[in-house]
Amino acid sequence: MALLEQAAGQGHAYAMYAVGDIHDTRKQYSLAVEWLTKAAEAGLPRAMSDLGIHFDKGQGVAADYAAAADWYRRAADAGDGTAAANLAAMYHNGRGRAWQMPVPPH
């Protein structure tokens, strides 16, 4: 863990993700969100997807469906299939976007 934290502190995105993932496994969600945010901002799609999960579930941060959808969308745009599926599930369940009733045809 010390070597991962050292690499993460030097800006290595995969190390940032690994540190966040370890904290997530330990249920240290606030620390996980801190490191996942750094990795996501460094452009790592898997970190973006996992960060979306934290906002979606309210783990380590207040639940924020708009933020969850935004992170899922960023990850999906970068090719992460899990994020695309999670975003679709949010939309299916009416979360993450403003819902508007469809107008019936005349």
C-alpha atoms as a PDB file:
ATOM      1  CA  MET A   1       0.000   0.000   0.000  1.00  0.00           C
ATOM      2  CA  ALA A   2       2.849   2.387   0.793  1.00  0.00           C
ATOM      3  CA  LEU A   3       4.328   1.943  -2.682  1.00  0.00           C
ATOM      4  CA  LEU A   4       0.924   2.458  -4.319  1.00  0.00           C
ATOM      5  CA  GLU A   5       0.367   5.625  -2.288  1.00  0.00           C
ATOM      6  CA  GLN A   6       3.815   6.855  -3.283  1.00  0.00           C
ATOM      7  CA  ALA A   7       3.086   6.264  -6.980  1.00  0.00           C
ATOM      8  CA  ALA A   8      -0.373   7.793  -6.621  1.00  0.00           C
ATOM      9  CA  GLY A   9       1.130  10.847  -4.963  1.00  0.00           C
ATOM     10  CA  GLN A  10       3.398  11.218  -7.991  1.00  0.00           C
ATOM     11  CA  GLY A  11       0.376  11.340 -10.301  1.00  0.00           C
ATOM     12  CA  HIS A  12       0.192   7.761 -11.582  1.00  0.00           C
ATOM     13  CA  ALA A  13      -3.498   7.320 -12.498  1.00  0.00           C
ATOM     14  CA  TYR A  14      -3.553   3.514 -12.134  1.00  0.00           C
ATOM     15  CA  ALA A  15      -1.974   3.776  -8.697  1.00  0.00           C
ATOM     16  CA  MET A  16      -4.578   6.385  -7.709  1.00  0.00           C
ATOM     17  CA  TYR A  17      -7.284   3.989  -8.848  1.00  0.00           C
ATOM     18  CA  ALA A  18      -5.705   1.058  -6.974  1.00  0.00           C
ATOM     19  CA  VAL A  19      -5.512   3.069  -3.741  1.00  0.00           C
ATOM     20  CA  GLY A  20      -9.153   4.105  -4.165  1.00  0.00           C
ATOM     21  CA  ASP A  21     -10.187   0.535  -4.903  1.00  0.00           C
ATOM     22  CA  ILE A  22      -8.414  -0.761  -1.797  1.00  0.00           C
ATOM     23  CA  HIS A  23     -10.178   1.843   0.364  1.00  0.00           C
ATOM     24  CA  ASP A  24     -13.464   0.877  -1.323  1.00  0.00           C
ATOM     25  CA  THR A  25     -12.882  -2.797  -0.474  1.00  0.00           C
ATOM     26  CA  ARG A  26     -12.205  -1.773   3.129  1.00  0.00           C
ATOM     27  CA  LYS A  27     -15.487   0.228   3.090  1.00  0.00           C
ATOM     28  CA  GLN A  28     -13.519   3.437   3.691  1.00  0.00           C
ATOM     29  CA  TYR A  29     -15.749   5.196   1.197  1.00  0.00           C
ATOM     30  CA  SER A  30     -14.673   8.795   1.786  1.00  0.00           C
ATOM     31  CA  LEU A  31     -11.049   7.883   1.125  1.00  0.00           C
ATOM     32  CA  ALA A  32     -12.094   5.774  -1.853  1.00  0.00           C
ATOM     33  CA  VAL A  33     -13.971   8.732  -3.366  1.00  0.00           C
ATOM     34  CA  GLU A  34     -10.970  11.007  -2.796  1.00  0.00           C
ATOM     35  CA  TRP A  35      -8.616   8.713  -4.742  1.00  0.00           C
ATOM     36  CA  LEU A  36     -11.138   7.689  -7.379  1.00  0.00           C
ATOM     37  CA  THR A  37     -11.808  11.362  -8.087  1.00  0.00           C
ATOM     38  CA  LYS A  38      -8.101  11.959  -8.663  1.00  0.00           C
ATOM     39  CA  ALA A  39      -7.862   8.948 -10.985  1.00  0.00           C
ATOM     40  CA  ALA A  40     -11.050   9.947 -12.829  1.00  0.00           C
ATOM     41  CA  GLU A  41      -9.814  13.507 -13.306  1.00  0.00           C
ATOM     42  CA  ALA A  42      -6.577  12.003 -14.666  1.00  0.00           C
ATOM     43  CA  GLY A  43      -8.716  10.344 -17.352  1.00  0.00           C
ATOM     44  CA  LEU A  44      -9.072   6.728 -16.165  1.00  0.00           C
ATOM     45  CA  PRO A  45     -12.478   5.424 -17.360  1.00  0.00           C
ATOM     46  CA  ARG A  46     -12.773   2.670 -14.717  1.00  0.00           C
ATOM     47  CA  ALA A  47     -12.302   5.296 -11.978  1.00  0.00           C
ATOM     48  CA  MET A  48     -14.995   7.469 -13.592  1.00  0.00           C
ATOM     49  CA  SER A  49     -17.377   4.511 -13.569  1.00  0.00           C
ATOM     50  CA  ASP A  50     -16.637   3.614  -9.948  1.00  0.00           C
ATOM     51  CA  LEU A  51     -17.026   7.248  -8.927  1.00  0.00           C
ATOM     52  CA  GLY A  52     -20.442   7.204 -10.589  1.00  0.00           C
ATOM     53  CA  ILE A  53     -21.369   4.226  -8.430  1.00  0.00           C
ATOM     54  CA  HIS A  54     -20.418   6.138  -5.277  1.00  0.00           C
ATOM     55  CA  PHE A  55     -22.585   9.114  -6.250  1.00  0.00           C
ATOM     56  CA  ASP A  56     -25.408   6.778  -7.309  1.00  0.00           C
ATOM     57  CA  LYS A  57     -25.378   4.888  -3.987  1.00  0.00           C
ATOM     58  CA  GLY A  58     -24.345   7.767  -1.729  1.00  0.00           C
ATOM     59  CA  GLN A  59     -21.222   5.975  -0.486  1.00  0.00           C
ATOM     60  CA  GLY A  60     -18.586   8.391   0.805  1.00  0.00           C
ATOM     61  CA  VAL A  61     -20.529  11.308  -0.676  1.00  0.00           C
ATOM     62  CA  ALA A  62     -24.125  12.486  -0.588  1.00  0.00           C
ATOM     63  CA  ALA A  63     -26.222  10.684  -3.198  1.00  0.00           C
ATOM     64  CA  ASP A  64     -26.271  12.854  -6.311  1.00  0.00           C
ATOM     65  CA  TYR A  65     -27.910  11.294  -9.354  1.00  0.00           C
ATOM     66  CA  ALA A  66     -26.876  14.099 -11.695  1.00  0.00           C
ATOM     67  CA  ALA A  67     -23.218  13.670 -10.698  1.00  0.00           C
ATOM     68  CA  ALA A  68     -23.530   9.869 -10.973  1.00  0.00           C
ATOM     69  CA  ALA A  69     -24.977  10.165 -14.474  1.00  0.00           C
ATOM     70  CA  ASP A  70     -22.255  12.632 -15.452  1.00  0.00           C
ATOM     71  CA  TRP A  71     -19.458  10.297 -14.330  1.00  0.00           C
ATOM     72  CA  TYR A  72     -21.150   7.288 -15.939  1.00  0.00           C
ATOM     73  CA  ARG A  73     -21.521   9.251 -19.176  1.00  0.00           C
ATOM     74  CA  ARG A  74     -17.861  10.301 -19.161  1.00  0.00           C
ATOM     75  CA  ALA A  75     -16.755   6.716 -18.557  1.00  0.00           C
ATOM     76  CA  ALA A  76     -19.126   5.349 -21.205  1.00  0.00           C
ATOM     77  CA  ASP A  77     -17.857   7.907 -23.709  1.00  0.00           C
ATOM     78  CA  ALA A  78     -14.349   6.632 -22.943  1.00  0.00           C
ATOM     79  CA  GLY A  79     -15.440   3.050 -23.696  1.00  0.00           C
ATOM     80  CA  ASP A  80     -16.424   1.635 -20.287  1.00  0.00           C
ATOM     81  CA  GLY A  81     -19.306  -0.792 -20.856  1.00  0.00           C
ATOM     82  CA  THR A  82     -20.214  -1.115 -17.179  1.00  0.00           C
ATOM     83  CA  ALA A  83     -20.703   2.638 -16.984  1.00  0.00           C
ATOM     84  CA  ALA A  84     -22.928   2.569 -20.074  1.00  0.00           C
ATOM     85  CA  ALA A  85     -25.070  -0.150 -18.492  1.00  0.00           C
ATOM     86  CA  ASN A  86     -25.264   1.732 -15.183  1.00  0.00           C
ATOM     87  CA  LEU A  87     -26.276   4.925 -16.982  1.00  0.00           C
ATOM     88  CA  ALA A  88     -28.968   3.046 -18.898  1.00  0.00           C
ATOM     89  CA  ALA A  89     -30.272   1.570 -15.629  1.00  0.00           C
ATOM     90  CA  MET A  90     -30.416   5.032 -14.071  1.00  0.00           C
ATOM     91  CA  TYR A  91     -32.385   6.362 -17.027  1.00  0.00           C
ATOM     92  CA  HIS A  92     -34.661   3.321 -17.001  1.00  0.00           C
ATOM     93  CA  ASN A  93     -35.434   4.001 -13.334  1.00  0.00           C
ATOM     94  CA  GLY A  94     -35.955   7.745 -13.897  1.00  0.00           C
ATOM     95  CA  ARG A  95     -32.779   8.902 -12.128  1.00  0.00           C
ATOM     96  CA  GLY A  96     -30.069  11.231 -13.400  1.00  0.00           C
ATOM     97  CA  ARG A  97     -32.116  13.346 -15.774  1.00  0.00           C
ATOM     98  CA  ALA A  98     -35.266  15.377 -15.803  1.00  0.00           C
ATOM     99  CA  TRP A  99     -38.186  13.151 -16.706  1.00  0.00           C
ATOM    100  CA  GLN A 100     -40.756  14.453 -19.147  1.00  0.00           C
ATOM    101  CA  MET A 101     -43.971  12.675 -19.998  1.00  0.00           C
ATOM    102  CA  PRO A 102     -44.128  11.757 -23.676  1.00  0.00           C
ATOM    103  CA  VAL A 103     -46.723  13.634 -25.667  1.00  0.00           C
ATOM    104  CA  PRO A 104     -49.243  11.197 -27.157  1.00  0.00           C
ATOM    105  CA  PRO A 105     -49.730  11.398 -30.930  1.00  0.00           C
ATOM    106  CA  HIS A 106     -52.851  13.225 -32.157  1.00  0.00           C
END
